[in-house]
Amino acid sequence: MKPETIELQEAAKKGVLMNVIASPEDLMPTLILHSTEDDEIHLFGLQMEDKDQMVRAISQTLADRQADAYALVLEGWSTSFLDAALARNGNIKDMAPEDRFEVANILTVEKGDDSPRMSVARIDRLPNGNRRLRKWEEMKNFDGRFAITDW
């Protein structure tokens, strides 16, 4: 990854940390991109429920802003009980609270690079309602619907 893309990823991580500490609310899906049009960083809140619609909006924004890289921040659920999740068609949020946990995800992609990276950190809910972010784990060559490499 280019140094500028790593800076995007690190800025996204700092933003997630600040938001997790400051608010008990879930993270808003956020697109952070570097535009070659004006050599600036742009942030966009993505407030749509439909994931296919979100993918189309991200692709269009990347093209319109002439982005060369982006980071996508998403909050979701994860589990250690993969068979139970598969039995629910992957609907981890419907699992028992003790069988699932919250995670912050940051997908980082450079245009034309077929090896997007995913950073994942578990979010703990404390008894007082506050949240705490655990250490980031890095995954290379991530593949998924949000890993848009050509726009």
N, C-alpha and C. Protein backbone atom coordinates (compact mmCIF):
# COMPACT_ATOMS: atom_id res chain seq x y z
N MET A 1 0.84 -1.19 0.00
CA MET A 1 0.00 0.00 0.00
C MET A 1 0.88 1.25 0.00
N LYS A 2 0.38 2.26 -0.69
CA LYS A 2 1.09 3.53 -0.72
C LYS A 2 1.01 4.20 0.65
N PRO A 3 2.00 5.02 0.99
CA PRO A 3 1.97 5.72 2.29
C PRO A 3 0.68 6.53 2.49
N GLU A 4 0.16 7.12 1.43
CA GLU A 4 -1.06 7.92 1.56
C GLU A 4 -2.26 7.05 1.94
N THR A 5 -2.28 5.83 1.43
CA THR A 5 -3.37 4.91 1.75
C THR A 5 -3.26 4.43 3.20
N ILE A 6 -2.05 4.19 3.64
CA ILE A 6 -1.83 3.80 5.04
C ILE A 6 -2.27 4.94 5.96
N GLU A 7 -2.01 6.19 5.56
CA GLU A 7 -2.46 7.34 6.34
C GLU A 7 -3.99 7.38 6.42
N LEU A 8 -4.67 7.05 5.33
CA LEU A 8 -6.14 6.97 5.33
C LEU A 8 -6.60 5.93 6.34
N GLN A 9 -5.98 4.77 6.32
CA GLN A 9 -6.33 3.69 7.23
C GLN A 9 -6.11 4.11 8.68
N GLU A 10 -4.99 4.73 8.96
CA GLU A 10 -4.69 5.15 10.34
C GLU A 10 -5.63 6.25 10.80
N ALA A 11 -6.00 7.16 9.92
CA ALA A 11 -6.97 8.21 10.27
C ALA A 11 -8.32 7.58 10.59
N ALA A 12 -8.71 6.57 9.83
CA ALA A 12 -9.98 5.88 10.09
C ALA A 12 -9.93 5.19 11.45
N LYS A 13 -8.82 4.56 11.79
CA LYS A 13 -8.68 3.90 13.08
C LYS A 13 -8.79 4.91 14.23
N LYS A 14 -8.16 6.06 14.08
CA LYS A 14 -8.26 7.09 15.13
C LYS A 14 -9.69 7.59 15.27
N GLY A 15 -10.38 7.75 14.15
CA GLY A 15 -11.77 8.18 14.19
C GLY A 15 -12.66 7.17 14.88
N VAL A 16 -12.45 5.89 14.59
CA VAL A 16 -13.22 4.84 15.24
C VAL A 16 -12.97 4.87 16.74
N LEU A 17 -11.72 4.95 17.14
CA LEU A 17 -11.38 4.97 18.56
C LEU A 17 -12.06 6.15 19.26
N MET A 18 -11.97 7.33 18.68
CA MET A 18 -12.59 8.51 19.29
C MET A 18 -14.10 8.33 19.42
N ASN A 19 -14.74 7.80 18.40
CA ASN A 19 -16.19 7.63 18.42
C ASN A 19 -16.63 6.54 19.40
N VAL A 20 -15.88 5.45 19.48
CA VAL A 20 -16.22 4.38 20.41
C VAL A 20 -16.10 4.87 21.85
N ILE A 21 -15.07 5.65 22.14
CA ILE A 21 -14.88 6.17 23.49
C ILE A 21 -15.93 7.23 23.82
N ALA A 22 -16.26 8.08 22.86
CA ALA A 22 -17.12 9.24 23.11
C ALA A 22 -18.60 8.90 23.14
N SER A 23 -19.02 7.80 22.53
CA SER A 23 -20.45 7.55 22.38
C SER A 23 -20.79 6.07 22.52
N PRO A 24 -21.90 5.78 23.21
CA PRO A 24 -22.35 4.40 23.27
C PRO A 24 -23.09 3.96 22.00
N GLU A 25 -23.32 4.89 21.10
CA GLU A 25 -24.06 4.61 19.87
C GLU A 25 -23.19 3.85 18.86
N ASP A 26 -23.84 3.10 17.98
CA ASP A 26 -23.12 2.40 16.92
C ASP A 26 -22.46 3.40 15.98
N LEU A 27 -21.38 2.97 15.35
CA LEU A 27 -20.69 3.80 14.37
C LEU A 27 -21.55 3.94 13.12
N MET A 28 -21.57 5.14 12.55
CA MET A 28 -22.24 5.34 11.27
C MET A 28 -21.31 4.83 10.16
N PRO A 29 -21.83 4.06 9.22
CA PRO A 29 -20.98 3.67 8.09
C PRO A 29 -20.41 4.94 7.42
N THR A 30 -19.10 4.95 7.26
CA THR A 30 -18.42 6.15 6.78
C THR A 30 -17.43 5.80 5.68
N LEU A 31 -17.50 6.56 4.60
CA LEU A 31 -16.56 6.43 3.49
C LEU A 31 -15.56 7.58 3.59
N ILE A 32 -14.27 7.24 3.64
CA ILE A 32 -13.20 8.23 3.67
C ILE A 32 -12.37 8.00 2.41
N LEU A 33 -12.24 9.02 1.59
CA LEU A 33 -11.51 8.82 0.34
C LEU A 33 -10.52 9.94 0.08
N HIS A 34 -9.52 9.61 -0.73
CA HIS A 34 -8.58 10.61 -1.21
C HIS A 34 -8.94 10.91 -2.66
N SER A 35 -9.22 12.19 -2.93
CA SER A 35 -9.60 12.62 -4.27
C SER A 35 -8.38 13.13 -5.02
N THR A 36 -8.16 12.60 -6.23
CA THR A 36 -7.07 13.13 -7.06
C THR A 36 -7.49 14.43 -7.73
N GLU A 37 -8.78 14.69 -7.72
CA GLU A 37 -9.30 15.92 -8.34
C GLU A 37 -8.81 17.17 -7.61
N ASP A 38 -8.84 17.12 -6.26
CA ASP A 38 -8.41 18.28 -5.48
C ASP A 38 -7.33 17.94 -4.45
N ASP A 39 -6.82 16.70 -4.47
CA ASP A 39 -5.79 16.24 -3.54
C ASP A 39 -6.22 16.44 -2.08
N GLU A 40 -7.49 16.17 -1.81
CA GLU A 40 -8.04 16.32 -0.47
C GLU A 40 -8.65 15.00 0.01
N ILE A 41 -8.83 14.92 1.32
CA ILE A 41 -9.52 13.80 1.95
C ILE A 41 -10.98 14.23 2.15
N HIS A 42 -11.91 13.35 1.80
CA HIS A 42 -13.34 13.63 1.95
C HIS A 42 -13.99 12.53 2.77
N LEU A 43 -14.94 12.91 3.63
CA LEU A 43 -15.69 11.96 4.45
C LEU A 43 -17.16 12.02 4.08
N PHE A 44 -17.79 10.85 4.00
CA PHE A 44 -19.20 10.76 3.66
C PHE A 44 -19.87 9.76 4.60
N GLY A 45 -20.92 10.20 5.28
CA GLY A 45 -21.73 9.29 6.07
C GLY A 45 -22.68 8.54 5.15
N LEU A 46 -22.80 7.25 5.33
CA LEU A 46 -23.64 6.41 4.48
C LEU A 46 -24.82 5.92 5.32
N GLN A 47 -25.98 6.50 5.11
CA GLN A 47 -27.12 6.20 5.96
C GLN A 47 -28.18 5.37 5.24
N MET A 48 -27.77 4.39 4.51
CA MET A 48 -28.74 3.54 3.80
C MET A 48 -28.70 2.14 4.40
N GLU A 49 -29.84 1.51 4.47
CA GLU A 49 -29.95 0.17 5.03
C GLU A 49 -29.59 -0.91 4.01
N ASP A 50 -29.98 -0.72 2.77
CA ASP A 50 -29.78 -1.71 1.73
C ASP A 50 -28.30 -1.75 1.33
N LYS A 51 -27.67 -2.91 1.49
CA LYS A 51 -26.23 -3.03 1.21
C LYS A 51 -25.91 -2.87 -0.27
N ASP A 52 -26.78 -3.35 -1.16
CA ASP A 52 -26.54 -3.18 -2.59
C ASP A 52 -26.59 -1.70 -2.96
N GLN A 53 -27.52 -0.98 -2.36
CA GLN A 53 -27.61 0.46 -2.59
C GLN A 53 -26.35 1.16 -2.09
N MET A 54 -25.82 0.70 -0.95
CA MET A 54 -24.60 1.28 -0.41
C MET A 54 -23.42 1.04 -1.34
N VAL A 55 -23.32 -0.16 -1.90
CA VAL A 55 -22.23 -0.47 -2.83
C VAL A 55 -22.31 0.45 -4.05
N ARG A 56 -23.51 0.63 -4.58
CA ARG A 56 -23.67 1.52 -5.74
C ARG A 56 -23.30 2.96 -5.39
N ALA A 57 -23.70 3.42 -4.20
CA ALA A 57 -23.38 4.79 -3.78
C ALA A 57 -21.88 4.97 -3.61
N ILE A 58 -21.21 3.98 -3.04
CA ILE A 58 -19.76 4.05 -2.86
C ILE A 58 -19.07 4.10 -4.22
N SER A 59 -19.45 3.20 -5.13
CA SER A 59 -18.84 3.17 -6.47
C SER A 59 -19.01 4.50 -7.19
N GLN A 60 -20.20 5.05 -7.12
CA GLN A 60 -20.48 6.32 -7.79
C GLN A 60 -19.67 7.46 -7.18
N THR A 61 -19.59 7.49 -5.85
CA THR A 61 -18.83 8.55 -5.17
C THR A 61 -17.35 8.46 -5.50
N LEU A 62 -16.81 7.25 -5.53
CA LEU A 62 -15.40 7.07 -5.88
C LEU A 62 -15.11 7.58 -7.29
N ALA A 63 -16.00 7.29 -8.22
CA ALA A 63 -15.82 7.75 -9.60
C ALA A 63 -15.99 9.26 -9.69
N ASP A 64 -17.05 9.79 -9.07
CA ASP A 64 -17.32 11.23 -9.14
C ASP A 64 -16.20 12.06 -8.54
N ARG A 65 -15.62 11.57 -7.45
CA ARG A 65 -14.56 12.32 -6.75
C ARG A 65 -13.17 11.97 -7.26
N GLN A 66 -13.09 11.12 -8.27
CA GLN A 66 -11.81 10.70 -8.84
C GLN A 66 -10.86 10.21 -7.75
N ALA A 67 -11.37 9.30 -6.94
CA ALA A 67 -10.60 8.78 -5.81
C ALA A 67 -9.54 7.80 -6.29
N ASP A 68 -8.43 7.79 -5.57
CA ASP A 68 -7.41 6.78 -5.87
C ASP A 68 -7.31 5.75 -4.74
N ALA A 69 -7.99 6.04 -3.62
CA ALA A 69 -8.00 5.11 -2.50
C ALA A 69 -9.15 5.48 -1.56
N TYR A 70 -9.59 4.49 -0.79
CA TYR A 70 -10.63 4.78 0.19
C TYR A 70 -10.52 3.85 1.39
N ALA A 71 -11.12 4.29 2.48
CA ALA A 71 -11.31 3.46 3.66
C ALA A 71 -12.80 3.50 3.98
N LEU A 72 -13.35 2.36 4.28
CA LEU A 72 -14.77 2.24 4.61
C LEU A 72 -14.88 1.73 6.05
N VAL A 73 -15.56 2.50 6.90
CA VAL A 73 -15.74 2.14 8.30
C VAL A 73 -17.14 1.57 8.48
N LEU A 74 -17.21 0.38 9.03
CA LEU A 74 -18.49 -0.28 9.29
C LEU A 74 -18.44 -0.92 10.68
N GLU A 75 -19.57 -0.91 11.37
CA GLU A 75 -19.68 -1.65 12.62
C GLU A 75 -20.62 -2.82 12.38
N GLY A 76 -20.33 -3.93 13.01
CA GLY A 76 -21.18 -5.10 12.83
C GLY A 76 -21.02 -6.07 13.97
N TRP A 77 -21.52 -7.28 13.73
CA TRP A 77 -21.46 -8.35 14.72
C TRP A 77 -20.52 -9.44 14.23
N SER A 78 -19.92 -10.14 15.19
CA SER A 78 -19.10 -11.30 14.88
C SER A 78 -19.38 -12.37 15.94
N THR A 79 -18.90 -13.56 15.69
CA THR A 79 -19.12 -14.66 16.63
C THR A 79 -17.99 -15.68 16.50
N SER A 80 -17.82 -16.44 17.55
CA SER A 80 -16.89 -17.57 17.51
C SER A 80 -17.61 -18.85 17.12
N PHE A 81 -18.95 -18.78 17.06
CA PHE A 81 -19.79 -19.95 16.78
C PHE A 81 -20.25 -19.92 15.33
N LEU A 82 -19.35 -20.27 14.43
CA LEU A 82 -19.63 -20.16 13.00
C LEU A 82 -20.76 -21.08 12.54
N ASP A 83 -20.85 -22.28 13.08
CA ASP A 83 -21.93 -23.18 12.69
C ASP A 83 -23.29 -22.61 13.07
N ALA A 84 -23.38 -22.02 14.24
CA ALA A 84 -24.64 -21.42 14.69
C ALA A 84 -25.01 -20.23 13.80
N ALA A 85 -24.02 -19.45 13.39
CA ALA A 85 -24.28 -18.32 12.50
C ALA A 85 -24.76 -18.81 11.14
N LEU A 86 -24.13 -19.84 10.61
CA LEU A 86 -24.54 -20.39 9.32
C LEU A 86 -25.96 -20.96 9.38
N ALA A 87 -26.31 -21.53 10.52
CA ALA A 87 -27.66 -22.07 10.69
C ALA A 87 -28.71 -20.95 10.65
N ARG A 88 -28.28 -19.73 10.93
CA ARG A 88 -29.17 -18.55 10.88
C ARG A 88 -28.93 -17.75 9.60
N ASN A 89 -28.38 -18.38 8.58
CA ASN A 89 -28.07 -17.72 7.30
C ASN A 89 -27.17 -16.52 7.49
N GLY A 90 -26.26 -16.59 8.45
CA GLY A 90 -25.31 -15.51 8.68
C GLY A 90 -25.85 -14.35 9.50
N ASN A 91 -27.07 -14.46 10.01
CA ASN A 91 -27.66 -13.37 10.80
C ASN A 91 -27.17 -13.43 12.24
N ILE A 92 -25.95 -12.96 12.44
CA ILE A 92 -25.33 -13.01 13.76
C ILE A 92 -26.08 -12.15 14.76
N LYS A 93 -26.66 -11.05 14.31
CA LYS A 93 -27.37 -10.16 15.24
C LYS A 93 -28.55 -10.85 15.90
N ASP A 94 -29.05 -11.95 15.29
CA ASP A 94 -30.17 -12.70 15.86
C ASP A 94 -29.72 -13.76 16.86
N MET A 95 -28.43 -13.91 17.04
CA MET A 95 -27.92 -14.90 17.98
C MET A 95 -28.04 -14.37 19.41
N ALA A 96 -27.94 -15.26 20.37
CA ALA A 96 -27.98 -14.87 21.78
C ALA A 96 -26.85 -13.89 22.08
N PRO A 97 -27.08 -12.89 22.92
CA PRO A 97 -26.06 -11.88 23.21
C PRO A 97 -24.73 -12.46 23.69
N GLU A 98 -24.77 -13.57 24.41
CA GLU A 98 -23.52 -14.15 24.89
C GLU A 98 -22.75 -14.88 23.79
N ASP A 99 -23.39 -15.09 22.63
CA ASP A 99 -22.75 -15.79 21.53
C ASP A 99 -22.23 -14.86 20.43
N ARG A 100 -22.39 -13.57 20.63
CA ARG A 100 -21.96 -12.60 19.61
C ARG A 100 -21.28 -11.41 20.28
N PHE A 101 -20.54 -10.66 19.45
CA PHE A 101 -19.89 -9.45 19.96
C PHE A 101 -19.79 -8.44 18.82
N GLU A 102 -19.67 -7.17 19.23
CA GLU A 102 -19.59 -6.09 18.26
C GLU A 102 -18.15 -5.95 17.75
N VAL A 103 -18.03 -5.55 16.49
CA VAL A 103 -16.72 -5.29 15.91
C VAL A 103 -16.76 -4.02 15.06
N ALA A 104 -15.63 -3.35 15.01
CA ALA A 104 -15.43 -2.25 14.06
C ALA A 104 -14.58 -2.81 12.93
N ASN A 105 -14.96 -2.48 11.70
CA ASN A 105 -14.25 -2.94 10.51
C ASN A 105 -13.81 -1.72 9.69
N ILE A 106 -12.58 -1.77 9.23
CA ILE A 106 -12.10 -0.74 8.29
C ILE A 106 -11.53 -1.46 7.08
N LEU A 107 -12.20 -1.28 5.95
CA LEU A 107 -11.75 -1.82 4.68
C LEU A 107 -10.96 -0.74 3.98
N THR A 108 -9.73 -1.04 3.58
CA THR A 108 -8.87 -0.06 2.91
C THR A 108 -8.53 -0.59 1.52
N VAL A 109 -8.78 0.24 0.50
CA VAL A 109 -8.63 -0.19 -0.89
C VAL A 109 -7.94 0.89 -1.71
N GLU A 110 -7.02 0.47 -2.56
CA GLU A 110 -6.43 1.35 -3.56
C GLU A 110 -7.02 0.98 -4.92
N LYS A 111 -7.27 1.97 -5.73
CA LYS A 111 -7.83 1.74 -7.05
C LYS A 111 -6.94 0.79 -7.85
N GLY A 112 -7.58 -0.25 -8.42
CA GLY A 112 -6.86 -1.20 -9.27
C GLY A 112 -6.07 -2.25 -8.52
N ASP A 113 -6.02 -2.18 -7.19
CA ASP A 113 -5.27 -3.15 -6.39
C ASP A 113 -6.23 -4.26 -5.96
N ASP A 114 -5.95 -5.48 -6.35
CA ASP A 114 -6.84 -6.60 -6.05
C ASP A 114 -6.57 -7.23 -4.69
N SER A 115 -5.90 -6.50 -3.78
CA SER A 115 -5.62 -7.06 -2.45
C SER A 115 -6.05 -6.07 -1.36
N PRO A 116 -7.36 -5.79 -1.27
CA PRO A 116 -7.84 -4.90 -0.21
C PRO A 116 -7.49 -5.44 1.17
N ARG A 117 -7.42 -4.55 2.14
CA ARG A 117 -7.09 -4.95 3.50
C ARG A 117 -8.25 -4.63 4.43
N MET A 118 -8.43 -5.50 5.40
CA MET A 118 -9.48 -5.30 6.39
C MET A 118 -8.83 -5.26 7.77
N SER A 119 -9.16 -4.23 8.52
CA SER A 119 -8.75 -4.13 9.92
C SER A 119 -10.00 -4.35 10.76
N VAL A 120 -9.89 -5.21 11.77
CA VAL A 120 -11.03 -5.55 12.61
C VAL A 120 -10.62 -5.42 14.07
N ALA A 121 -11.50 -4.75 14.86
CA ALA A 121 -11.26 -4.63 16.30
C ALA A 121 -12.57 -4.91 17.03
N ARG A 122 -12.48 -5.72 18.04
CA ARG A 122 -13.66 -6.03 18.85
C ARG A 122 -14.01 -4.81 19.71
N ILE A 123 -15.31 -4.60 19.91
CA ILE A 123 -15.81 -3.53 20.76
C ILE A 123 -16.47 -4.17 21.97
N ASP A 124 -15.97 -3.84 23.15
CA ASP A 124 -16.56 -4.36 24.38
C ASP A 124 -17.54 -3.34 24.95
N ARG A 125 -18.67 -3.82 25.43
CA ARG A 125 -19.64 -2.98 26.15
C ARG A 125 -19.35 -3.14 27.64
N LEU A 126 -19.07 -2.03 28.30
CA LEU A 126 -18.75 -2.06 29.72
C LEU A 126 -20.03 -1.95 30.54
N PRO A 127 -20.00 -2.39 31.81
CA PRO A 127 -21.20 -2.35 32.64
C PRO A 127 -21.83 -0.95 32.79
N ASN A 128 -21.01 0.09 32.67
CA ASN A 128 -21.54 1.46 32.80
C ASN A 128 -22.10 2.00 31.49
N GLY A 129 -22.13 1.17 30.45
CA GLY A 129 -22.69 1.60 29.17
C GLY A 129 -21.65 2.12 28.19
N ASN A 130 -20.46 2.43 28.68
CA ASN A 130 -19.39 2.88 27.79
C ASN A 130 -18.89 1.71 26.95
N ARG A 131 -18.11 2.05 25.94
CA ARG A 131 -17.55 1.02 25.07
C ARG A 131 -16.03 1.14 25.04
N ARG A 132 -15.38 0.02 24.77
CA ARG A 132 -13.91 -0.01 24.70
C ARG A 132 -13.51 -0.77 23.45
N LEU A 133 -12.52 -0.24 22.74
CA LEU A 133 -12.02 -0.85 21.51
C LEU A 133 -10.79 -1.69 21.83
N ARG A 134 -10.80 -2.93 21.37
CA ARG A 134 -9.64 -3.80 21.54
C ARG A 134 -8.63 -3.55 20.42
N LYS A 135 -7.55 -4.33 20.43
CA LYS A 135 -6.48 -4.20 19.46
C LYS A 135 -6.96 -4.56 18.05
N TRP A 136 -6.46 -3.82 17.06
CA TRP A 136 -6.80 -4.09 15.66
C TRP A 136 -6.10 -5.36 15.18
N GLU A 137 -6.83 -6.16 14.42
CA GLU A 137 -6.26 -7.32 13.73
C GLU A 137 -6.32 -7.04 12.24
N GLU A 138 -5.26 -7.38 11.53
CA GLU A 138 -5.16 -7.06 10.10
C GLU A 138 -5.35 -8.31 9.25
N MET A 139 -6.13 -8.14 8.18
CA MET A 139 -6.35 -9.22 7.20
C MET A 139 -5.99 -8.67 5.83
N LYS A 140 -5.18 -9.42 5.09
CA LYS A 140 -4.82 -9.02 3.73
C LYS A 140 -5.68 -9.77 2.74
N ASN A 141 -5.77 -9.22 1.53
CA ASN A 141 -6.51 -9.86 0.43
C ASN A 141 -7.97 -10.14 0.79
N PHE A 142 -8.60 -9.18 1.44
CA PHE A 142 -10.01 -9.31 1.81
C PHE A 142 -10.87 -9.27 0.55
N ASP A 143 -11.93 -10.07 0.56
CA ASP A 143 -12.85 -10.10 -0.57
C ASP A 143 -14.27 -10.00 -0.03
N GLY A 144 -15.06 -9.18 -0.65
CA GLY A 144 -16.45 -9.02 -0.23
C GLY A 144 -17.10 -7.94 -1.08
N ARG A 145 -18.39 -7.78 -0.90
CA ARG A 145 -19.13 -6.85 -1.76
C ARG A 145 -18.65 -5.40 -1.64
N PHE A 146 -18.11 -5.01 -0.49
CA PHE A 146 -17.65 -3.64 -0.30
C PHE A 146 -16.21 -3.43 -0.78
N ALA A 147 -15.53 -4.49 -1.17
CA ALA A 147 -14.14 -4.40 -1.64
C ALA A 147 -14.13 -4.05 -3.13
N ILE A 148 -14.46 -2.81 -3.42
CA ILE A 148 -14.55 -2.31 -4.79
C ILE A 148 -13.14 -1.87 -5.20
N THR A 149 -12.59 -2.50 -6.23
CA THR A 149 -11.22 -2.17 -6.63
C THR A 149 -11.13 -1.39 -7.93
N ASP A 150 -12.18 -1.38 -8.71
CA ASP A 150 -12.19 -0.63 -9.97
C ASP A 150 -13.43 0.25 -10.02
N TRP A 151 -13.20 1.51 -10.29
CA TRP A 151 -14.32 2.46 -10.40
C TRP A 151 -14.02 3.49 -11.45
